[in-house]
Amino acid sequence: MSSKKKNTPLPASSAGLLTFFNEETKGIKIRPEIVLIGSIALIALSIIINAFFR
């Protein structure tokens, strides 16, 4: 191996990012699945309403 590959620094760890997301925050807590299902339902509802009232 070349000397450049041996001396390259390792990427920074993501420990700080994990610590950030593990902290408790104030506000409403909603699971991502519920948000995804709700947004898909809202899109489907708007398409159905648009189709009926044209």
PDB file of N, CA and C in Angstrom:
ATOM      1  N   MET A   1       0.844  -1.188   0.000  1.00  0.00           N
ATOM      2  CA  MET A   1       0.000   0.000   0.000  1.00  0.00           C
ATOM      3  C   MET A   1       0.884   1.244   0.000  1.00  0.00           C
ATOM      4  N   SER A   2       0.363   2.287  -0.551  1.00  0.00           N
ATOM      5  CA  SER A   2       1.123   3.523  -0.571  1.00  0.00           C
ATOM      6  C   SER A   2       1.070   4.182   0.796  1.00  0.00           C
ATOM      7  N   SER A   3       1.998   5.094   1.029  1.00  0.00           N
ATOM      8  CA  SER A   3       2.051   5.754   2.330  1.00  0.00           C
ATOM      9  C   SER A   3       0.879   6.715   2.521  1.00  0.00           C
ATOM     10  N   LYS A   4       0.291   7.209   1.432  1.00  0.00           N
ATOM     11  CA  LYS A   4      -0.861   8.108   1.563  1.00  0.00           C
ATOM     12  C   LYS A   4      -2.073   7.384   2.156  1.00  0.00           C
ATOM     13  N   LYS A   5      -2.303   6.144   1.746  1.00  0.00           N
ATOM     14  CA  LYS A   5      -3.462   5.406   2.248  1.00  0.00           C
ATOM     15  C   LYS A   5      -3.288   5.040   3.717  1.00  0.00           C
ATOM     16  N   LYS A   6      -2.065   4.807   4.142  1.00  0.00           N
ATOM     17  CA  LYS A   6      -1.829   4.436   5.538  1.00  0.00           C
ATOM     18  C   LYS A   6      -1.980   5.632   6.469  1.00  0.00           C
ATOM     19  N   ASN A   7      -1.694   6.823   5.994  1.00  0.00           N
ATOM     20  CA  ASN A   7      -1.707   8.006   6.847  1.00  0.00           C
ATOM     21  C   ASN A   7      -3.006   8.793   6.781  1.00  0.00           C
ATOM     22  N   THR A   8      -3.974   8.335   6.042  1.00  0.00           N
ATOM     23  CA  THR A   8      -5.221   9.091   5.959  1.00  0.00           C
ATOM     24  C   THR A   8      -5.997   8.970   7.264  1.00  0.00           C
ATOM     25  N   PRO A   9      -6.578  10.074   7.718  1.00  0.00           N
ATOM     26  CA  PRO A   9      -7.336  10.016   8.975  1.00  0.00           C
ATOM     27  C   PRO A   9      -8.657   9.277   8.782  1.00  0.00           C
ATOM     28  N   LEU A  10      -9.104   8.665   9.840  1.00  0.00           N
ATOM     29  CA  LEU A  10     -10.384   7.960   9.803  1.00  0.00           C
ATOM     30  C   LEU A  10     -11.524   8.969   9.857  1.00  0.00           C
ATOM     31  N   PRO A  11     -12.671   8.634   9.301  1.00  0.00           N
ATOM     32  CA  PRO A  11     -13.812   9.559   9.372  1.00  0.00           C
ATOM     33  C   PRO A  11     -14.275   9.739  10.808  1.00  0.00           C
ATOM     34  N   ALA A  12     -14.859  10.894  11.062  1.00  0.00           N
ATOM     35  CA  ALA A  12     -15.340  11.187  12.416  1.00  0.00           C
ATOM     36  C   ALA A  12     -16.478  10.231  12.770  1.00  0.00           C
ATOM     37  N   SER A  13     -16.529   9.858  14.019  1.00  0.00           N
ATOM     38  CA  SER A  13     -17.585   8.936  14.444  1.00  0.00           C
ATOM     39  C   SER A  13     -18.908   9.672  14.539  1.00  0.00           C
ATOM     40  N   SER A  14     -19.979   8.930  14.537  1.00  0.00           N
ATOM     41  CA  SER A  14     -21.307   9.541  14.604  1.00  0.00           C
ATOM     42  C   SER A  14     -21.850   9.535  16.031  1.00  0.00           C
ATOM     43  N   ALA A  15     -20.988   9.431  17.011  1.00  0.00           N
ATOM     44  CA  ALA A  15     -21.431   9.372  18.404  1.00  0.00           C
ATOM     45  C   ALA A  15     -22.156  10.652  18.808  1.00  0.00           C
ATOM     46  N   GLY A  16     -21.701  11.797  18.328  1.00  0.00           N
ATOM     47  CA  GLY A  16     -22.364  13.053  18.641  1.00  0.00           C
ATOM     48  C   GLY A  16     -23.761  13.103  18.061  1.00  0.00           C
ATOM     49  N   LEU A  17     -23.941  12.566  16.869  1.00  0.00           N
ATOM     50  CA  LEU A  17     -25.253  12.555  16.229  1.00  0.00           C
ATOM     51  C   LEU A  17     -26.207  11.636  16.978  1.00  0.00           C
ATOM     52  N   LEU A  18     -25.715  10.487  17.411  1.00  0.00           N
ATOM     53  CA  LEU A  18     -26.557   9.573  18.170  1.00  0.00           C
ATOM     54  C   LEU A  18     -26.965  10.177  19.506  1.00  0.00           C
ATOM     55  N   THR A  19     -26.051  10.881  20.132  1.00  0.00           N
ATOM     56  CA  THR A  19     -26.363  11.524  21.402  1.00  0.00           C
ATOM     57  C   THR A  19     -27.432  12.589  21.203  1.00  0.00           C
ATOM     58  N   PHE A  20     -27.350  13.325  20.093  1.00  0.00           N
ATOM     59  CA  PHE A  20     -28.329  14.366  19.819  1.00  0.00           C
ATOM     60  C   PHE A  20     -29.727  13.782  19.675  1.00  0.00           C
ATOM     61  N   PHE A  21     -29.868  12.683  18.953  1.00  0.00           N
ATOM     62  CA  PHE A  21     -31.184  12.118  18.720  1.00  0.00           C
ATOM     63  C   PHE A  21     -31.706  11.336  19.919  1.00  0.00           C
ATOM     64  N   ASN A  22     -30.875  10.986  20.863  1.00  0.00           N
ATOM     65  CA  ASN A  22     -31.335  10.275  22.046  1.00  0.00           C
ATOM     66  C   ASN A  22     -31.850  11.232  23.125  1.00  0.00           C
ATOM     67  N   GLU A  23     -31.622  12.517  22.963  1.00  0.00           N
ATOM     68  CA  GLU A  23     -32.073  13.479  23.961  1.00  0.00           C
ATOM     69  C   GLU A  23     -33.586  13.640  23.875  1.00  0.00           C
ATOM     70  N   GLU A  24     -34.201  13.816  25.019  1.00  0.00           N
ATOM     71  CA  GLU A  24     -35.646  14.032  25.063  1.00  0.00           C
ATOM     72  C   GLU A  24     -35.940  15.490  24.727  1.00  0.00           C
ATOM     73  N   THR A  25     -36.958  15.705  23.913  1.00  0.00           N
ATOM     74  CA  THR A  25     -37.371  17.059  23.568  1.00  0.00           C
ATOM     75  C   THR A  25     -38.844  17.232  23.914  1.00  0.00           C
ATOM     76  N   LYS A  26     -39.246  18.474  24.089  1.00  0.00           N
ATOM     77  CA  LYS A  26     -40.638  18.773  24.382  1.00  0.00           C
ATOM     78  C   LYS A  26     -41.425  18.758  23.080  1.00  0.00           C
ATOM     79  N   GLY A  27     -42.702  18.458  23.184  1.00  0.00           N
ATOM     80  CA  GLY A  27     -43.558  18.496  22.013  1.00  0.00           C
ATOM     81  C   GLY A  27     -44.238  17.164  21.773  1.00  0.00           C
ATOM     82  N   ILE A  28     -45.005  17.137  20.696  1.00  0.00           N
ATOM     83  CA  ILE A  28     -45.756  15.940  20.341  1.00  0.00           C
ATOM     84  C   ILE A  28     -44.810  14.908  19.751  1.00  0.00           C
ATOM     85  N   LYS A  29     -44.949  13.681  20.185  1.00  0.00           N
ATOM     86  CA  LYS A  29     -44.124  12.600  19.661  1.00  0.00           C
ATOM     87  C   LYS A  29     -45.008  11.682  18.831  1.00  0.00           C
ATOM     88  N   ILE A  30     -44.721  11.611  17.521  1.00  0.00           N
ATOM     89  CA  ILE A  30     -45.489  10.787  16.598  1.00  0.00           C
ATOM     90  C   ILE A  30     -44.524   9.847  15.898  1.00  0.00           C
ATOM     91  N   ARG A  31     -44.921   8.599  15.798  1.00  0.00           N
ATOM     92  CA  ARG A  31     -44.074   7.621  15.100  1.00  0.00           C
ATOM     93  C   ARG A  31     -44.015   7.957  13.618  1.00  0.00           C
ATOM     94  N   PRO A  32     -42.892   7.707  12.956  1.00  0.00           N
ATOM     95  CA  PRO A  32     -42.758   8.019  11.533  1.00  0.00           C
ATOM     96  C   PRO A  32     -43.742   7.252  10.658  1.00  0.00           C
ATOM     97  N   GLU A  33     -44.127   6.047  11.069  1.00  0.00           N
ATOM     98  CA  GLU A  33     -45.072   5.263  10.276  1.00  0.00           C
ATOM     99  C   GLU A  33     -46.426   5.954  10.203  1.00  0.00           C
ATOM    100  N   ILE A  34     -46.848   6.553  11.309  1.00  0.00           N
ATOM    101  CA  ILE A  34     -48.132   7.238  11.344  1.00  0.00           C
ATOM    102  C   ILE A  34     -48.101   8.470  10.443  1.00  0.00           C
ATOM    103  N   VAL A  35     -46.991   9.192  10.447  1.00  0.00           N
ATOM    104  CA  VAL A  35     -46.862  10.366   9.586  1.00  0.00           C
ATOM    105  C   VAL A  35     -46.904   9.957   8.118  1.00  0.00           C
ATOM    106  N   LEU A  36     -46.223   8.872   7.780  1.00  0.00           N
ATOM    107  CA  LEU A  36     -46.197   8.393   6.401  1.00  0.00           C
ATOM    108  C   LEU A  36     -47.584   7.943   5.949  1.00  0.00           C
ATOM    109  N   ILE A  37     -48.271   7.166   6.780  1.00  0.00           N
ATOM    110  CA  ILE A  37     -49.611   6.694   6.437  1.00  0.00           C
ATOM    111  C   ILE A  37     -50.583   7.867   6.323  1.00  0.00           C
ATOM    112  N   GLY A  38     -50.481   8.825   7.218  1.00  0.00           N
ATOM    113  CA  GLY A  38     -51.350   9.995   7.168  1.00  0.00           C
ATOM    114  C   GLY A  38     -51.136  10.822   5.911  1.00  0.00           C
ATOM    115  N   SER A  39     -49.893  11.002   5.520  1.00  0.00           N
ATOM    116  CA  SER A  39     -49.635  11.794   4.316  1.00  0.00           C
ATOM    117  C   SER A  39     -50.112  11.073   3.065  1.00  0.00           C
ATOM    118  N   ILE A  40     -49.936   9.753   3.008  1.00  0.00           N
ATOM    119  CA  ILE A  40     -50.425   8.980   1.860  1.00  0.00           C
ATOM    120  C   ILE A  40     -51.950   9.031   1.809  1.00  0.00           C
ATOM    121  N   ALA A  41     -52.604   8.940   2.966  1.00  0.00           N
ATOM    122  CA  ALA A  41     -54.065   9.018   3.007  1.00  0.00           C
ATOM    123  C   ALA A  41     -54.552  10.392   2.565  1.00  0.00           C
ATOM    124  N   LEU A  42     -53.866  11.447   2.966  1.00  0.00           N
ATOM    125  CA  LEU A  42     -54.248  12.790   2.565  1.00  0.00           C
ATOM    126  C   LEU A  42     -54.092  12.991   1.053  1.00  0.00           C
ATOM    127  N   ILE A  43     -53.033  12.464   0.481  1.00  0.00           N
ATOM    128  CA  ILE A  43     -52.831  12.550  -0.968  1.00  0.00           C
ATOM    129  C   ILE A  43     -53.925  11.776  -1.695  1.00  0.00           C
ATOM    130  N   ALA A  44     -54.230  10.565  -1.227  1.00  0.00           N
ATOM    131  CA  ALA A  44     -55.274   9.761  -1.869  1.00  0.00           C
ATOM    132  C   ALA A  44     -56.627  10.450  -1.755  1.00  0.00           C
ATOM    133  N   LEU A  45     -56.930  11.033  -0.601  1.00  0.00           N
ATOM    134  CA  LEU A  45     -58.193  11.727  -0.411  1.00  0.00           C
ATOM    135  C   LEU A  45     -58.311  12.930  -1.340  1.00  0.00           C
ATOM    136  N   SER A  46     -57.233  13.676  -1.504  1.00  0.00           N
ATOM    137  CA  SER A  46     -57.288  14.837  -2.395  1.00  0.00           C
ATOM    138  C   SER A  46     -57.455  14.422  -3.852  1.00  0.00           C
ATOM    139  N   ILE A  47     -56.868  13.303  -4.258  1.00  0.00           N
ATOM    140  CA  ILE A  47     -57.047  12.806  -5.624  1.00  0.00           C
ATOM    141  C   ILE A  47     -58.485  12.360  -5.837  1.00  0.00           C
ATOM    142  N   ILE A  48     -59.062  11.665  -4.859  1.00  0.00           N
ATOM    143  CA  ILE A  48     -60.450  11.201  -4.966  1.00  0.00           C
ATOM    144  C   ILE A  48     -61.406  12.388  -5.019  1.00  0.00           C
ATOM    145  N   ILE A  49     -61.222  13.374  -4.163  1.00  0.00           N
ATOM    146  CA  ILE A  49     -62.093  14.557  -4.171  1.00  0.00           C
ATOM    147  C   ILE A  49     -61.962  15.310  -5.494  1.00  0.00           C
ATOM    148  N   ASN A  50     -60.741  15.423  -5.996  1.00  0.00           N
ATOM    149  CA  ASN A  50     -60.528  16.101  -7.261  1.00  0.00           C
ATOM    150  C   ASN A  50     -61.218  15.348  -8.404  1.00  0.00           C
ATOM    151  N   ALA A  51     -61.225  14.036  -8.364  1.00  0.00           N
ATOM    152  CA  ALA A  51     -61.843  13.239  -9.436  1.00  0.00           C
ATOM    153  C   ALA A  51     -63.364  13.369  -9.403  1.00  0.00           C
ATOM    154  N   PHE A  52     -63.975  13.432  -8.223  1.00  0.00           N
ATOM    155  CA  PHE A  52     -65.421  13.502  -8.118  1.00  0.00           C
ATOM    156  C   PHE A  52     -65.995  14.873  -8.428  1.00  0.00           C
ATOM    157  N   PHE A  53     -65.256  15.939  -8.155  1.00  0.00           N
ATOM    158  CA  PHE A  53     -65.789  17.283  -8.300  1.00  0.00           C
ATOM    159  C   PHE A  53     -65.235  18.017  -9.508  1.00  0.00           C
ATOM    160  N   ARG A  54     -64.867  17.312 -10.538  1.00  0.00           N
ATOM    161  CA  ARG A  54     -64.426  17.954 -11.785  1.00  0.00           C
ATOM    162  C   ARG A  54     -65.584  18.278 -12.634  1.00  0.00           C
TER     163      ARG A  54
END
